[in-house]
Every structure is written in C-alpha cells, then in structure tokens.
Amino acid sequence: MQVEVDRVDFIINSHLHYDHSGGNGQMPNAQVVVQSREWAHAKAAANANLGYLSKDFDTGQKVRQVDGEHDLFGDGSVVCIPTYGHTPGHQSLRVATEAGGEFILCGDACYLKQSLETLHTPGVIADKEAALAVFHRFREMRARGSRIMFGHDPEFWKAVPQAPPRLD
C-alpha cells in the first residue's frame, strides 16, 4: 500500500543524526516527534558535529518534543520509549499489532542481534552505561514476547517478511 506524502501525519525520529532525519523535509505536513533532550542536543551540536546537520532535522515542520515514554495515540498502539545511549535523547518505538504482537523498533539503540546477546555496545555511543541498561531492558521485553527489530542487522532482516505482508 502506497501512502501519499501529504497524508503522513507523524515522523517519529529515533534520533536526529542525518541518516535518521535526512528525509524529514520530504514530508512537510508531518509533525516530528522526538525526545526533548535529543532536540536540545542536536540544536546545540548542529553543524559542529557531522552527525547533526540542522538542514536535515530542522526543516520547518511542527515539532512535538516529548519527555520519556509517550503514547502517540493514547491507546498503547504506538509508544515512544526512551532508549538513551547511542545519543543523549535516542528513542525506540513500541508497536502493538491488532493480532496481539508487539514489536520494538530499536533504531540505533541496538544495531545487531548479536550485540544484544553479547551486550556489546556500538562504536558510536554517547553513554555506554545507559546503552547497556537499554540492552537489559530489550532483553526483558523480548522475554515477555516482544520482537526486537534490530536497526542495522542484515542477517536479521533476511528473516523478516518484506512488504506487502504484514507482521503480527
């Protein structure tokens, strides 16, 4: 199913590095949802730190800055969860499906499945202790039945059905 760009209501950025926010400007009507501490850090580091380029994240849309967990629709179906570590304000997304499945879109909080198994943090990291705490939280979520969707794991993604099939 293709969605027209002007019908996109929200962009939920895990963090504001250019490779995760560089397409924000393509959806000018969408509201950007980001942790307030990530927004503040990105604004302070913009253009001095190559990870944060203001032309990519500060693109004129309305920005909803959230603090901690944020239930986007108020029904538990899409919840931003703080996963600080990779960046000072990184967030992941908990998505509950109608069929009862729960997925954690972890962005850059945990690049690889193996990283979670071995508790090996990524090379680009703002706070190692916070990142390790997130890994433990992901392990707890997984033990309760959540499916962790690793941001940069090519082996993991080979086993995930690609669109149009739905994940439940």
Protein backbone atom coordinates (compact mmCIF):
# COMPACT_ATOMS: atom_id res chain seq x y z
CA MET A 1 0.00 0.00 0.00
CA GLN A 2 1.42 3.34 -1.00
CA VAL A 3 0.67 6.41 1.11
CA GLU A 4 0.82 9.88 -0.37
CA VAL A 5 3.40 12.09 1.34
CA ASP A 6 0.86 14.76 2.25
CA ARG A 7 -1.15 12.15 4.20
CA VAL A 8 1.72 11.37 6.60
CA ASP A 9 0.81 12.87 9.97
CA PHE A 10 3.85 11.96 12.06
CA ILE A 11 7.57 11.37 11.68
CA ILE A 12 8.99 9.66 14.73
CA ASN A 13 12.74 10.11 14.73
CA SER A 14 14.72 7.68 16.85
CA HIS A 15 17.37 10.39 16.97
CA LEU A 16 18.46 13.30 14.82
CA HIS A 17 21.65 12.09 13.15
CA TYR A 18 21.45 12.95 9.46
CA ASP A 19 20.97 9.32 8.41
CA HIS A 20 17.80 9.10 10.54
CA SER A 21 16.32 12.55 9.93
CA GLY A 22 17.57 13.48 6.46
CA GLY A 23 14.23 12.67 4.85
CA ASN A 24 12.10 14.74 7.23
CA GLY A 25 11.82 17.60 4.78
CA GLN A 26 10.20 15.26 2.24
CA MET A 27 7.06 15.25 4.41
CA PRO A 28 6.37 18.93 5.11
CA ASN A 29 2.90 18.35 6.61
CA ALA A 30 4.06 15.77 9.14
CA GLN A 31 4.70 16.58 12.77
CA VAL A 32 8.13 15.45 14.01
CA VAL A 33 8.08 13.53 17.30
CA VAL A 34 11.40 13.48 19.15
CA GLN A 35 12.66 13.37 22.72
CA SER A 36 13.19 16.92 24.01
CA ARG A 37 16.70 16.11 25.20
CA GLU A 38 17.59 14.87 21.69
CA TRP A 39 16.22 18.06 20.13
CA ALA A 40 18.21 20.22 22.56
CA HIS A 41 21.40 18.21 21.99
CA ALA A 42 21.02 18.30 18.21
CA LYS A 43 20.39 22.06 18.20
CA ALA A 44 23.49 22.63 20.36
CA ALA A 45 25.68 20.31 18.26
CA ALA A 46 24.24 21.24 14.85
CA ASN A 47 26.80 21.62 12.10
CA ALA A 48 29.72 21.40 14.54
CA ASN A 49 29.22 17.65 14.85
CA LEU A 50 28.83 15.95 11.49
CA GLY A 51 26.19 13.61 12.91
CA TYR A 52 23.80 16.53 13.35
CA LEU A 53 23.04 18.73 10.38
CA SER A 54 20.30 21.30 11.03
CA LYS A 55 19.28 21.27 7.35
CA ASP A 56 18.21 17.64 7.88
CA PHE A 57 16.30 17.83 11.17
CA ASP A 58 15.16 21.46 11.50
CA THR A 59 13.06 21.58 8.35
CA GLY A 60 10.12 23.73 9.35
CA GLN A 61 7.58 21.14 10.44
CA LYS A 62 5.85 21.33 13.79
CA VAL A 63 8.00 19.50 16.36
CA ARG A 64 6.46 17.63 19.28
CA GLN A 65 9.15 17.30 21.93
CA VAL A 66 8.36 14.52 24.38
CA ASP A 67 9.96 13.52 27.66
CA GLY A 68 10.27 9.83 28.39
CA GLU A 69 7.53 7.40 27.32
CA HIS A 70 4.94 8.93 25.04
CA ASP A 71 1.79 7.15 23.85
CA LEU A 72 1.27 8.75 20.44
CA PHE A 73 -2.42 7.92 20.04
CA GLY A 74 -3.38 7.34 23.68
CA ASP A 75 -4.27 3.69 23.07
CA GLY A 76 -0.94 1.91 23.56
CA SER A 77 -0.60 1.02 19.88
CA VAL A 78 2.42 3.25 19.22
CA VAL A 79 4.58 4.29 22.17
CA CYS A 80 7.87 6.17 22.05
CA ILE A 81 10.21 4.72 24.67
CA PRO A 82 13.41 6.42 25.80
CA THR A 83 16.47 4.37 24.90
CA TYR A 84 19.24 6.82 25.67
CA GLY A 85 22.80 5.76 24.99
CA HIS A 86 23.57 5.93 21.29
CA THR A 87 22.68 9.61 21.56
CA PRO A 88 21.59 11.60 24.63
CA GLY A 89 17.94 11.50 23.57
CA HIS A 90 17.56 8.36 21.46
CA GLN A 91 14.11 6.78 21.48
CA SER A 92 12.76 3.49 20.21
CA LEU A 93 9.21 2.65 19.25
CA ARG A 94 6.93 0.01 20.75
CA VAL A 95 4.22 -1.00 18.29
CA ALA A 96 1.33 -3.27 19.27
CA THR A 97 -0.49 -5.02 16.45
CA GLU A 98 -4.20 -5.82 16.27
CA ALA A 99 -3.27 -9.52 16.34
CA GLY A 100 -1.56 -9.04 19.69
CA GLY A 101 2.06 -8.99 18.61
CA GLU A 102 4.43 -6.37 19.97
CA PHE A 103 7.43 -5.04 18.09
CA ILE A 104 10.25 -2.85 19.34
CA LEU A 105 11.75 -0.73 16.54
CA CYS A 106 15.04 -0.01 18.22
CA GLY A 107 16.68 2.32 15.69
CA ASP A 108 20.33 2.68 16.65
CA ALA A 109 19.83 1.67 20.29
CA CYS A 110 20.96 -1.83 19.29
CA TYR A 111 22.44 -2.33 15.84
CA LEU A 112 22.73 -6.11 15.78
CA LYS A 113 21.04 -9.13 17.34
CA GLN A 114 24.50 -10.37 18.34
CA SER A 115 25.10 -7.10 20.20
CA LEU A 116 22.10 -7.82 22.41
CA GLU A 117 23.27 -11.40 23.01
CA THR A 118 26.81 -10.35 23.96
CA LEU A 119 25.99 -6.93 25.49
CA HIS A 120 28.43 -5.34 23.07
CA THR A 121 27.62 -1.64 22.59
CA PRO A 122 28.07 0.08 19.22
CA GLY A 123 31.10 2.15 18.34
CA VAL A 124 29.17 5.42 18.12
CA ILE A 125 27.83 6.00 21.61
CA ALA A 126 27.15 8.92 23.91
CA ASP A 127 26.64 6.99 27.17
CA LYS A 128 27.81 3.38 27.48
CA GLU A 129 26.12 2.70 30.83
CA ALA A 130 22.78 4.00 29.53
CA ALA A 131 23.16 1.88 26.39
CA LEU A 132 23.83 -1.24 28.45
CA ALA A 133 20.75 -0.51 30.58
CA VAL A 134 18.73 -0.33 27.35
CA PHE A 135 20.12 -3.69 26.25
CA HIS A 136 18.92 -5.22 29.52
CA ARG A 137 15.50 -3.62 29.03
CA PHE A 138 15.32 -5.05 25.49
CA ARG A 139 16.17 -8.49 26.88
CA GLU A 140 13.32 -8.16 29.40
CA MET A 141 10.92 -7.07 26.66
CA ARG A 142 11.99 -9.97 24.49
CA ALA A 143 11.48 -12.40 27.39
CA ARG A 144 7.89 -11.09 27.70
CA GLY A 145 7.28 -11.79 23.99
CA SER A 146 8.21 -8.55 22.24
CA ARG A 147 10.00 -8.90 18.93
CA ILE A 148 13.09 -6.69 18.76
CA MET A 149 13.64 -5.18 15.30
CA PHE A 150 17.37 -4.51 15.07
CA GLY A 151 18.27 -1.35 13.20
CA HIS A 152 21.29 -2.43 11.18
CA ASP A 153 21.41 -6.23 11.20
CA PRO A 154 21.43 -7.58 7.63
CA GLU A 155 21.16 -11.21 8.79
CA PHE A 156 18.16 -10.40 10.97
CA TRP A 157 16.37 -8.55 8.17
CA LYS A 158 16.77 -11.50 5.78
CA ALA A 159 14.34 -13.42 8.01
CA VAL A 160 11.74 -10.63 8.20
CA PRO A 161 8.96 -10.72 5.59
CA GLN A 162 9.18 -7.69 3.34
CA ALA A 163 6.19 -5.60 2.29
CA PRO A 164 3.39 -6.12 1.46
CA PRO A 165 2.96 -8.97 4.02
CA ARG A 166 2.03 -7.71 7.49
CA LEU A 167 3.88 -8.62 10.64
CA ASP A 168 1.70 -9.78 13.50
